[in-house]
C-alpha atoms as a PDB file:
ATOM      1  CA  MET A   1    -115.691 -87.552  16.935  1.00  0.00           C
ATOM      2  CA  ASN A   2    -113.576 -88.424  19.952  1.00  0.00           C
ATOM      3  CA  ALA A   3    -110.000 -87.224  20.236  1.00  0.00           C
ATOM      4  CA  PRO A   4    -107.358 -89.868  19.609  1.00  0.00           C
ATOM      5  CA  ILE A   5    -105.530 -91.189  22.631  1.00  0.00           C
ATOM      6  CA  ALA A   6    -102.278 -89.801  21.244  1.00  0.00           C
ATOM      7  CA  ASP A   7    -103.611 -86.289  21.958  1.00  0.00           C
ATOM      8  CA  SER A   8    -103.755 -87.053  25.670  1.00  0.00           C
ATOM      9  CA  ALA A   9    -100.668 -87.107  27.818  1.00  0.00           C
ATOM     10  CA  VAL A  10     -99.362 -88.889  30.875  1.00  0.00           C
ATOM     11  CA  THR A  11     -99.813 -86.209  33.502  1.00  0.00           C
ATOM     12  CA  ARG A  12     -99.634 -88.235  36.709  1.00  0.00           C
ATOM     13  CA  CYS A  13     -97.718 -91.282  37.835  1.00  0.00           C
ATOM     14  CA  HIS A  14     -99.706 -94.120  39.308  1.00  0.00           C
ATOM     15  CA  PRO A  15     -99.054 -95.074  42.943  1.00  0.00           C
ATOM     16  CA  PRO A  16     -96.958 -98.172  43.730  1.00  0.00           C
ATOM     17  CA  LEU A  17     -98.774-101.305  42.539  1.00  0.00           C
ATOM     18  CA  ASP A  18     -98.919-102.959  45.963  1.00  0.00           C
ATOM     19  CA  SER A  19    -100.234 -99.898  47.807  1.00  0.00           C
ATOM     20  CA  ASP A  20    -103.594 -98.884  49.223  1.00  0.00           C
ATOM     21  CA  ALA A  21    -103.357 -95.774  47.052  1.00  0.00           C
ATOM     22  CA  PHE A  22    -103.239 -97.940  43.902  1.00  0.00           C
ATOM     23  CA  ASP A  23    -106.298 -99.867  45.113  1.00  0.00           C
ATOM     24  CA  ALA A  24    -108.065 -96.542  45.701  1.00  0.00           C
ATOM     25  CA  LEU A  25    -107.156 -95.340  42.205  1.00  0.00           C
ATOM     26  CA  LEU A  26    -108.587 -98.511  40.674  1.00  0.00           C
ATOM     27  CA  ALA A  27    -111.770 -98.092  42.731  1.00  0.00           C
ATOM     28  CA  GLN A  28    -112.013 -94.476  41.550  1.00  0.00           C
ATOM     29  CA  PHE A  29    -111.809 -95.567  37.913  1.00  0.00           C
ATOM     30  CA  THR A  30    -114.330 -98.339  38.481  1.00  0.00           C
ATOM     31  CA  ASN A  31    -116.799 -95.819  39.882  1.00  0.00           C
ATOM     32  CA  GLU A  32    -116.043 -93.371  37.094  1.00  0.00           C
ATOM     33  CA  PHE A  33    -116.354 -95.846  34.213  1.00  0.00           C
ATOM     34  CA  ALA A  34    -119.204 -98.082  35.396  1.00  0.00           C
ATOM     35  CA  PRO A  35    -122.082 -95.664  34.748  1.00  0.00           C
ATOM     36  CA  SER A  36    -121.312 -95.444  31.020  1.00  0.00           C
ATOM     37  CA  ALA A  37    -120.304 -99.079  30.415  1.00  0.00           C
ATOM     38  CA  ALA A  38    -123.753-100.328  29.457  1.00  0.00           C
ATOM     39  CA  ARG A  39    -124.254 -97.427  27.048  1.00  0.00           C
ATOM     40  CA  HIS A  40    -120.912 -98.123  25.350  1.00  0.00           C
ATOM     41  CA  ASP A  41    -121.918-101.773  24.970  1.00  0.00           C
ATOM     42  CA  ARG A  42    -125.428-100.988  23.774  1.00  0.00           C
ATOM     43  CA  ILE A  43    -124.393 -98.576  21.043  1.00  0.00           C
ATOM     44  CA  VAL A  44    -121.141-100.417  20.267  1.00  0.00           C
ATOM     45  CA  GLU A  45    -118.988 -97.404  21.038  1.00  0.00           C
ATOM     46  CA  PHE A  46    -115.360 -97.558  22.134  1.00  0.00           C
ATOM     47  CA  PRO A  47    -114.785 -95.778  25.491  1.00  0.00           C
ATOM     48  CA  TYR A  48    -112.113 -93.346  24.262  1.00  0.00           C
ATOM     49  CA  LYS A  49    -112.484 -91.038  27.261  1.00  0.00           C
ATOM     50  CA  ASN A  50    -111.950 -93.945  29.660  1.00  0.00           C
ATOM     51  CA  LEU A  51    -108.821 -95.009  27.833  1.00  0.00           C
ATOM     52  CA  ALA A  52    -107.527 -91.440  27.900  1.00  0.00           C
ATOM     53  CA  ARG A  53    -108.115 -91.309  31.679  1.00  0.00           C
ATOM     54  CA  LEU A  54    -106.101 -94.516  32.136  1.00  0.00           C
ATOM     55  CA  HIS A  55    -103.372 -93.037  29.959  1.00  0.00           C
ATOM     56  CA  GLU A  56    -103.221 -89.934  32.185  1.00  0.00           C
ATOM     57  CA  PHE A  57    -101.937 -92.156  35.007  1.00  0.00           C
ATOM     58  CA  ASP A  58     -99.658 -94.252  32.763  1.00  0.00           C
ATOM     59  CA  LEU A  59    -101.808 -97.324  33.372  1.00  0.00           C
ATOM     60  CA  LEU A  60    -101.827 -98.627  29.798  1.00  0.00           C
ATOM     61  CA  SER A  61     -98.345-100.070  30.134  1.00  0.00           C
ATOM     62  CA  LEU A  62     -98.691-101.826  33.491  1.00  0.00           C
ATOM     63  CA  THR A  63     -97.875-105.278  32.148  1.00  0.00           C
ATOM     64  CA  VAL A  64     -95.202-104.144  29.711  1.00  0.00           C
ATOM     65  CA  PRO A  65     -91.770-105.280  30.953  1.00  0.00           C
ATOM     66  CA  ALA A  66     -89.827-102.587  32.796  1.00  0.00           C
ATOM     67  CA  SER A  67     -86.946-103.078  30.353  1.00  0.00           C
ATOM     68  CA  LEU A  68     -89.294-101.819  27.626  1.00  0.00           C
ATOM     69  CA  GLY A  69     -90.563 -98.828  29.584  1.00  0.00           C
ATOM     70  CA  GLY A  70     -93.551-100.377  31.333  1.00  0.00           C
ATOM     71  CA  ALA A  71     -94.293-101.066  34.981  1.00  0.00           C
ATOM     72  CA  GLY A  72     -93.445-104.763  34.702  1.00  0.00           C
ATOM     73  CA  ALA A  73     -96.562-105.787  36.620  1.00  0.00           C
ATOM     74  CA  ASN A  74     -97.937-109.300  36.559  1.00  0.00           C
ATOM     75  CA  LEU A  75    -101.654-109.830  35.972  1.00  0.00           C
ATOM     76  CA  ALA A  76    -102.379-110.329  39.688  1.00  0.00           C
ATOM     77  CA  GLN A  77    -100.939-106.893  40.441  1.00  0.00           C
ATOM     78  CA  THR A  78    -103.193-105.238  37.874  1.00  0.00           C
ATOM     79  CA  ARG A  79    -106.330-106.645  39.513  1.00  0.00           C
END
C-alpha cells in the first residue's frame, strides 16, 4: 500500500510563480509524471507518489489564499 501524503513533508519551496524557474519545475513534473499516467488510468490507481512529489515543493496550496497559508495564485498562474 502507498504511504499517505501526510507522511511526506514540504522540503523545498517552489520558485516564484511568474519565474522561468517555476516553468522549469512544472516541466520537470510533467516529464516525471507523464510516463505513468496511462497506467494509473488503466488500473484505476491514484498517483500517490505524484501527489507526494507536489507536496514536497508546497504546490498543493497554490490557489489557497495567502491569508490562509497558501500561495494565493490564480488559475492562470498555476498553468
